[in-house]
Amino acid sequence: MARTKKKTAKAATGGDGTIAVNRRARHDYEVLDKYEAGMVLTGTEIKSIRGGKVDLRDAYARPDGGEMWLFNAHIAAYGPASINNHDPRRPRKLLLHREQIAELSAAVAQKGLTIVGLRIYIRNHVAKVELGLARGKRQYDKRRAIIERELDMAARRAVRSYG
């Protein structure tokens, strides 16, 4: 009788433990700096995260009362849970050092920057979120990035077909 290996979150997500990526953030924002933060979660939330039921499309972080909170991150309700399931869009407290919270709060207040959620991943059996201190892109910056990407792809195609 052959034993099957249990599928872990790392194996299910391609090796680095990434559960969800906010690809829209790279398009809409210029990421200036990245931070890693832990999240305060309930039992059903971590089970949903391990199952890959996360959407970071509109996620952002904001300081409130000396703490950092993650808003609009959608962690789907855990199916097998009973009536004690969590609210999918509830604000979640982020675990950062006090100096990091002060630095991010000052940057957001002074320079008109925002803090967006870039990805959720699992490291050492703990769910983490990667935050990006970002500046919004203008419409012409987005167009320029798309044009450069298309030119780069065309050049790679030409080199591949030539050689």
Protein backbone atom coordinates (compact mmCIF):
# COMPACT_ATOMS: atom_id res chain seq x y z
CA MET A 1 0.00 0.00 0.00
CA ALA A 2 1.59 3.25 -1.13
CA ARG A 3 1.51 6.24 1.18
CA THR A 4 0.77 9.62 -0.32
CA LYS A 5 2.63 12.67 0.82
CA LYS A 6 0.54 15.33 2.54
CA LYS A 7 0.27 18.47 0.41
CA THR A 8 1.62 21.47 2.32
CA ALA A 9 0.94 25.14 1.66
CA LYS A 10 4.47 25.54 0.32
CA ALA A 11 4.02 22.69 -2.15
CA ALA A 12 0.58 23.94 -3.19
CA THR A 13 1.78 27.46 -3.93
CA GLY A 14 4.84 26.89 -6.02
CA GLY A 15 7.58 26.59 -3.41
CA ASP A 16 7.91 30.01 -1.78
CA GLY A 17 4.72 29.85 0.29
CA THR A 18 2.91 32.63 -1.59
CA ILE A 19 -0.85 32.32 -1.23
CA ALA A 20 -2.13 35.45 -2.99
CA VAL A 21 -0.54 38.28 -4.98
CA ASN A 22 -2.01 41.72 -5.64
CA ARG A 23 -0.98 42.13 -9.27
CA ARG A 24 -3.17 45.22 -9.61
CA ALA A 25 -1.02 47.09 -7.07
CA ARG A 26 2.05 46.89 -9.33
CA HIS A 27 -0.02 48.36 -12.16
CA ASP A 28 -1.67 51.17 -10.18
CA TYR A 29 1.19 52.10 -7.85
CA GLU A 30 4.91 52.68 -7.87
CA VAL A 31 6.16 50.68 -4.88
CA LEU A 32 8.87 52.60 -3.02
CA ASP A 33 9.53 50.31 -0.05
CA LYS A 34 8.37 46.91 1.25
CA TYR A 35 7.57 45.73 4.76
CA GLU A 36 6.71 42.32 6.20
CA ALA A 37 3.96 42.13 8.80
CA GLY A 38 2.22 39.40 10.71
CA MET A 39 -1.56 39.31 10.99
CA VAL A 40 -3.87 38.65 13.92
CA LEU A 41 -6.21 35.96 12.58
CA THR A 42 -8.94 33.65 13.82
CA GLY A 43 -8.82 29.88 13.32
CA THR A 44 -11.19 29.87 10.36
CA GLU A 45 -9.21 32.66 8.66
CA ILE A 46 -5.91 30.78 8.73
CA LYS A 47 -7.65 27.68 7.38
CA SER A 48 -9.06 29.73 4.46
CA ILE A 49 -5.64 31.29 3.82
CA ARG A 50 -3.99 27.86 3.73
CA GLY A 51 -6.69 26.85 1.25
CA GLY A 52 -5.82 29.84 -0.98
CA LYS A 53 -9.16 31.63 -0.58
CA VAL A 54 -7.73 35.17 -0.39
CA ASP A 55 -8.22 38.29 -2.50
CA LEU A 56 -5.96 41.33 -2.01
CA ARG A 57 -7.22 43.39 -4.94
CA ASP A 58 -8.44 46.36 -2.84
CA ALA A 59 -6.36 45.77 0.29
CA TYR A 60 -4.67 48.69 1.99
CA ALA A 61 -3.23 49.39 5.44
CA ARG A 62 -3.85 52.41 7.62
CA PRO A 63 -2.56 53.43 11.06
CA ASP A 64 -5.16 53.87 13.78
CA GLY A 65 -4.37 54.61 17.41
CA GLY A 66 -0.73 53.56 17.26
CA GLU A 67 -1.60 50.27 15.52
CA MET A 68 -1.60 49.28 11.86
CA TRP A 69 -4.75 47.73 10.35
CA LEU A 70 -5.33 45.93 7.05
CA PHE A 71 -8.61 46.88 5.34
CA ASN A 72 -10.51 45.33 2.41
CA ALA A 73 -8.52 42.10 2.30
CA HIS A 74 -11.07 39.41 1.49
CA ILE A 75 -10.45 36.09 3.22
CA ALA A 76 -13.35 33.82 2.26
CA ALA A 77 -15.45 32.12 4.90
CA TYR A 78 -14.21 28.63 5.72
CA GLY A 79 -16.69 26.12 4.33
CA PRO A 80 -16.60 23.37 7.01
CA ALA A 81 -16.90 25.90 9.85
CA SER A 82 -20.15 26.19 11.75
CA ILE A 83 -22.01 29.36 12.61
CA ASN A 84 -18.81 30.70 14.24
CA ASN A 85 -17.28 31.72 10.90
CA HIS A 86 -15.49 35.06 10.41
CA ASP A 87 -16.53 38.17 8.47
CA PRO A 88 -14.61 37.98 5.15
CA ARG A 89 -13.81 41.72 4.92
CA ARG A 90 -13.21 42.58 8.57
CA PRO A 91 -10.23 44.85 9.42
CA ARG A 92 -7.24 42.81 10.58
CA LYS A 93 -4.59 44.03 12.99
CA LEU A 94 -1.05 43.91 11.61
CA LEU A 95 1.96 43.06 13.75
CA LEU A 96 4.80 45.52 13.13
CA HIS A 97 7.50 47.05 15.29
CA ARG A 98 6.60 50.38 16.86
CA GLU A 99 9.32 52.15 14.85
CA GLN A 100 7.95 50.73 11.59
CA ILE A 101 4.43 51.90 12.44
CA ALA A 102 5.74 55.40 13.24
CA GLU A 103 7.77 55.50 10.01
CA LEU A 104 4.84 54.37 7.87
CA SER A 105 2.41 56.74 9.61
CA ALA A 106 4.72 59.70 9.01
CA ALA A 107 5.23 58.80 5.35
CA VAL A 108 1.50 58.46 4.72
CA ALA A 109 0.67 61.71 6.52
CA GLN A 110 3.39 63.88 4.98
CA LYS A 111 4.08 62.70 1.46
CA GLY A 112 0.63 61.59 0.36
CA LEU A 113 1.71 57.97 -0.02
CA THR A 114 -0.40 54.90 0.64
CA ILE A 115 0.27 51.43 2.06
CA VAL A 116 -1.00 48.61 -0.14
CA GLY A 117 -1.05 44.87 0.45
CA LEU A 118 1.23 43.21 -2.12
CA ARG A 119 1.02 39.53 -1.22
CA ILE A 120 0.09 37.05 1.50
CA TYR A 121 2.39 34.14 2.14
CA ILE A 122 3.20 31.55 4.77
CA ARG A 123 6.62 31.55 6.43
CA ASN A 124 7.46 29.10 9.22
CA HIS A 125 3.78 28.08 9.53
CA VAL A 126 2.73 31.73 10.11
CA ALA A 127 0.71 33.86 7.68
CA LYS A 128 2.46 37.10 6.71
CA VAL A 129 1.47 40.00 4.52
CA GLU A 130 3.93 42.02 2.43
CA LEU A 131 3.04 45.71 2.52
CA GLY A 132 4.26 48.24 0.00
CA LEU A 133 4.71 51.94 0.67
CA ALA A 134 3.49 53.24 -2.67
CA ARG A 135 2.78 56.34 -4.73
CA GLY A 136 -0.11 56.25 -7.21
CA LYS A 137 0.81 56.20 -10.89
CA ARG A 138 -0.63 58.69 -13.34
CA GLN A 139 -2.49 57.43 -16.40
CA TYR A 140 0.38 58.28 -18.76
CA ASP A 141 2.82 56.33 -16.54
CA LYS A 142 0.59 53.27 -16.84
CA ARG A 143 0.44 53.62 -20.62
CA ARG A 144 4.21 54.03 -20.83
CA ALA A 145 4.75 50.87 -18.76
CA ILE A 146 2.42 48.88 -21.04
CA ILE A 147 4.18 50.14 -24.17
CA GLU A 148 7.63 49.30 -22.76
CA ARG A 149 6.46 45.81 -21.78
CA GLU A 150 5.03 45.18 -25.28
CA LEU A 151 8.22 46.40 -26.96
CA ASP A 152 10.32 44.18 -24.71
CA MET A 153 8.16 41.14 -25.54
CA ALA A 154 8.39 41.90 -29.29
CA ALA A 155 12.19 42.19 -29.06
CA ARG A 156 12.41 38.85 -27.22
CA ARG A 157 10.17 37.22 -29.84
CA ALA A 158 12.33 38.60 -32.65
CA VAL A 159 15.54 37.33 -31.05
CA ARG A 160 13.99 33.92 -30.45
CA SER A 161 12.75 33.58 -34.06
CA TYR A 162 16.04 34.88 -35.48
CA GLY A 163 18.32 32.53 -33.54
